N, C-alpha and C. Protein backbone atom coordinates (compact mmCIF):
# COMPACT_ATOMS: atom_id res chain seq x y z
N UNK A 1 5.42 37.82 -43.81
CA UNK A 1 5.53 39.09 -42.70
C UNK A 1 6.71 39.78 -43.39
N UNK A 2 6.67 41.01 -43.86
CA UNK A 2 7.87 41.93 -44.29
C UNK A 2 8.73 41.95 -43.13
N UNK A 3 9.88 42.00 -43.38
CA UNK A 3 10.99 42.37 -42.47
C UNK A 3 11.39 44.11 -42.82
N UNK A 4 10.88 44.65 -41.38
CA UNK A 4 11.20 46.37 -41.39
C UNK A 4 12.57 46.39 -40.79
N UNK A 5 13.33 47.49 -41.16
CA UNK A 5 14.45 47.71 -40.69
C UNK A 5 14.01 48.72 -39.33
N UNK A 6 15.42 48.56 -38.51
CA UNK A 6 15.26 49.10 -37.31
C UNK A 6 16.25 50.29 -37.09
N UNK A 7 15.42 51.40 -36.60
CA UNK A 7 15.77 52.88 -36.82
C UNK A 7 16.20 53.28 -35.28
N UNK A 8 17.34 54.33 -34.81
CA UNK A 8 17.55 54.47 -33.68
C UNK A 8 17.00 56.23 -33.54
N UNK A 9 16.16 56.58 -32.76
CA UNK A 9 15.81 57.89 -32.76
C UNK A 9 17.07 58.59 -32.24
N UNK A 10 17.26 60.04 -32.70
CA UNK A 10 18.45 60.71 -32.37
C UNK A 10 18.57 60.73 -31.02
N UNK A 11 19.89 60.99 -30.37
CA UNK A 11 20.07 61.33 -29.00
C UNK A 11 21.48 62.06 -28.85
N UNK A 12 21.57 62.80 -27.88
CA UNK A 12 23.04 63.58 -27.20
C UNK A 12 23.55 62.70 -26.37
N UNK A 13 24.90 62.93 -26.35
CA UNK A 13 25.49 62.23 -25.07
C UNK A 13 26.78 63.30 -24.76
N UNK A 14 26.78 63.18 -23.28
CA UNK A 14 27.74 64.56 -22.89
C UNK A 14 28.78 63.80 -21.97
N UNK A 15 29.91 63.78 -22.15
CA UNK A 15 31.09 63.11 -21.31
C UNK A 15 31.96 64.57 -20.89
N UNK A 16 32.39 64.54 -19.79
CA UNK A 16 33.00 65.77 -19.19
C UNK A 16 34.15 65.11 -18.09
N UNK A 17 35.46 65.23 -18.62
CA UNK A 17 36.58 64.88 -17.81
C UNK A 17 37.29 66.28 -17.19
N UNK A 18 37.42 66.10 -15.84
CA UNK A 18 38.37 67.16 -15.07
C UNK A 18 39.49 66.90 -14.47
N UNK A 19 40.77 67.36 -14.83
CA UNK A 19 41.90 66.82 -14.07
C UNK A 19 42.70 67.83 -13.56
N UNK A 20 43.68 67.61 -12.64
CA UNK A 20 44.69 68.60 -12.08
C UNK A 20 46.17 67.63 -11.91
N UNK A 21 46.96 68.53 -11.96
CA UNK A 21 48.35 67.74 -11.80
C UNK A 21 48.53 68.29 -10.11
N UNK A 22 48.77 67.44 -9.24
CA UNK A 22 49.09 67.44 -7.77
C UNK A 22 50.67 68.00 -7.64
N UNK A 23 51.53 67.38 -8.30
CA UNK A 23 53.12 67.82 -8.28
C UNK A 23 53.42 67.12 -9.62
N UNK A 24 54.71 67.26 -9.84
CA UNK A 24 55.49 66.64 -11.05
C UNK A 24 55.33 64.96 -11.04
N UNK A 25 55.00 64.48 -10.00
CA UNK A 25 54.88 62.92 -9.95
C UNK A 25 53.34 62.35 -9.99
N UNK A 26 52.56 63.29 -9.89
CA UNK A 26 51.06 63.00 -9.43
C UNK A 26 50.08 63.58 -10.06
N UNK A 27 48.84 62.98 -10.58
CA UNK A 27 47.86 63.72 -11.11
C UNK A 27 46.39 63.15 -10.65
N UNK A 28 45.41 63.78 -10.68
CA UNK A 28 44.12 63.29 -10.38
C UNK A 28 43.12 63.68 -11.29
N UNK A 29 42.30 62.76 -11.95
CA UNK A 29 41.20 63.00 -12.84
C UNK A 29 39.91 62.29 -12.23
N UNK A 30 38.62 63.39 -12.82
CA UNK A 30 37.40 62.84 -12.38
C UNK A 30 36.49 62.91 -13.47
N UNK A 31 35.85 61.81 -14.14
CA UNK A 31 35.28 61.89 -15.35
C UNK A 31 33.90 61.51 -15.09
N UNK A 32 33.09 62.10 -15.85
CA UNK A 32 31.46 61.91 -15.80
C UNK A 32 31.20 61.37 -17.25
N UNK A 33 30.62 60.34 -17.35
CA UNK A 33 30.27 59.68 -18.54
C UNK A 33 28.42 59.56 -18.59
N UNK A 34 28.28 60.04 -19.69
CA UNK A 34 26.95 60.21 -19.95
C UNK A 34 25.94 61.00 -18.90
N UNK A 35 26.36 62.19 -18.71
CA UNK A 35 25.63 63.01 -17.78
C UNK A 35 24.37 63.75 -17.73
N UNK A 36 23.80 63.24 -18.93
CA UNK A 36 22.52 63.48 -19.39
C UNK A 36 21.50 62.26 -19.22
N UNK A 37 21.94 61.38 -18.50
CA UNK A 37 21.16 59.83 -18.30
C UNK A 37 20.18 59.78 -19.80
N UNK A 38 20.97 59.46 -20.69
CA UNK A 38 19.79 59.46 -22.03
C UNK A 38 19.24 58.09 -22.28
N UNK A 39 17.90 58.32 -22.65
CA UNK A 39 16.81 57.55 -23.03
C UNK A 39 16.89 57.06 -24.60
N UNK A 40 17.53 55.91 -24.87
CA UNK A 40 17.63 55.57 -26.22
C UNK A 40 16.52 54.70 -26.73
N UNK A 41 15.71 55.29 -27.79
CA UNK A 41 14.51 54.60 -28.46
C UNK A 41 14.69 53.87 -29.76
N UNK A 42 14.53 52.46 -30.05
CA UNK A 42 14.62 52.10 -31.21
C UNK A 42 13.08 51.73 -31.62
N UNK A 43 12.96 51.77 -33.00
CA UNK A 43 11.62 51.61 -33.55
C UNK A 43 11.76 50.80 -35.16
N UNK A 44 10.94 49.92 -35.49
CA UNK A 44 10.84 49.32 -36.44
C UNK A 44 9.92 49.84 -37.93
N UNK A 45 10.91 50.51 -38.62
CA UNK A 45 10.22 50.99 -39.99
C UNK A 45 9.54 52.45 -39.56
N UNK A 46 8.57 52.60 -38.84
CA UNK A 46 8.14 53.94 -38.47
C UNK A 46 8.13 53.91 -37.01
N UNK A 47 8.01 55.48 -36.49
CA UNK A 47 8.17 55.71 -35.10
C UNK A 47 6.89 55.18 -34.31
N UNK A 48 5.62 54.83 -34.80
CA UNK A 48 4.62 54.23 -34.13
C UNK A 48 4.97 52.75 -33.93
N UNK A 49 6.21 51.99 -34.21
CA UNK A 49 6.15 50.83 -34.10
C UNK A 49 7.41 50.64 -33.18
N UNK A 50 7.39 50.76 -31.81
CA UNK A 50 8.70 50.75 -31.18
C UNK A 50 9.25 49.26 -31.14
N UNK A 51 10.33 49.30 -30.71
CA UNK A 51 11.00 48.02 -30.77
C UNK A 51 11.64 47.66 -29.25
N UNK A 52 12.66 48.90 -28.85
CA UNK A 52 12.91 48.88 -27.63
C UNK A 52 13.56 49.92 -27.20
N UNK A 53 13.69 50.07 -25.97
CA UNK A 53 14.03 51.56 -25.40
C UNK A 53 15.35 51.05 -24.36
N UNK A 54 16.36 51.82 -24.23
CA UNK A 54 17.36 51.70 -23.31
C UNK A 54 17.77 53.03 -22.50
N UNK A 55 17.86 52.82 -21.20
CA UNK A 55 18.39 53.87 -20.35
C UNK A 55 19.88 53.48 -20.02
N UNK A 56 20.59 54.64 -20.28
CA UNK A 56 21.85 54.50 -19.92
C UNK A 56 22.07 55.58 -18.88
N UNK A 57 22.66 55.07 -17.53
CA UNK A 57 22.82 55.66 -16.51
C UNK A 57 24.22 56.57 -16.61
N UNK A 58 24.07 57.44 -15.72
CA UNK A 58 25.41 58.43 -15.57
C UNK A 58 26.50 57.47 -14.95
N UNK A 59 27.69 57.62 -15.39
CA UNK A 59 28.72 57.18 -14.52
C UNK A 59 29.90 57.88 -14.18
N UNK A 60 30.37 57.58 -13.09
CA UNK A 60 31.66 58.73 -12.51
C UNK A 60 32.65 57.66 -12.29
N UNK A 61 33.82 58.33 -12.75
CA UNK A 61 35.05 57.39 -12.51
C UNK A 61 35.97 58.29 -12.16
N UNK A 62 37.35 57.94 -11.26
CA UNK A 62 38.12 58.82 -10.57
C UNK A 62 39.48 57.91 -10.71
N UNK A 63 40.60 58.75 -11.23
CA UNK A 63 41.69 58.19 -11.47
C UNK A 63 43.02 59.01 -10.78
N UNK A 64 43.80 58.33 -10.04
CA UNK A 64 44.94 58.73 -9.62
C UNK A 64 46.10 58.47 -10.17
N UNK A 65 47.25 58.98 -10.76
CA UNK A 65 48.45 58.62 -11.63
C UNK A 65 49.61 58.89 -10.83
N UNK A 66 50.18 58.15 -10.61
CA UNK A 66 51.65 58.35 -9.85
C UNK A 66 52.87 57.93 -10.85
N UNK A 67 53.83 58.70 -11.32
CA UNK A 67 54.72 58.18 -12.06
C UNK A 67 56.22 58.38 -11.07
N UNK A 68 56.75 57.20 -11.07
CA UNK A 68 57.88 57.03 -10.19
C UNK A 68 59.18 57.57 -11.26
């Protein structure tokens, strides 16, 4: 059985951070990762031979920074 290369179908990824400075000592940032909930598809040799599929969920993070 021949070994076929594994390819990934093209996909886009969208991350977006938003931040603000509260005062001279503190700031707040919220960041969204993978806002499009991308479905990544892998295939062996040709697209009619699927190998695996991954769903990457959206993640949201928040950071508060205090400088002393």
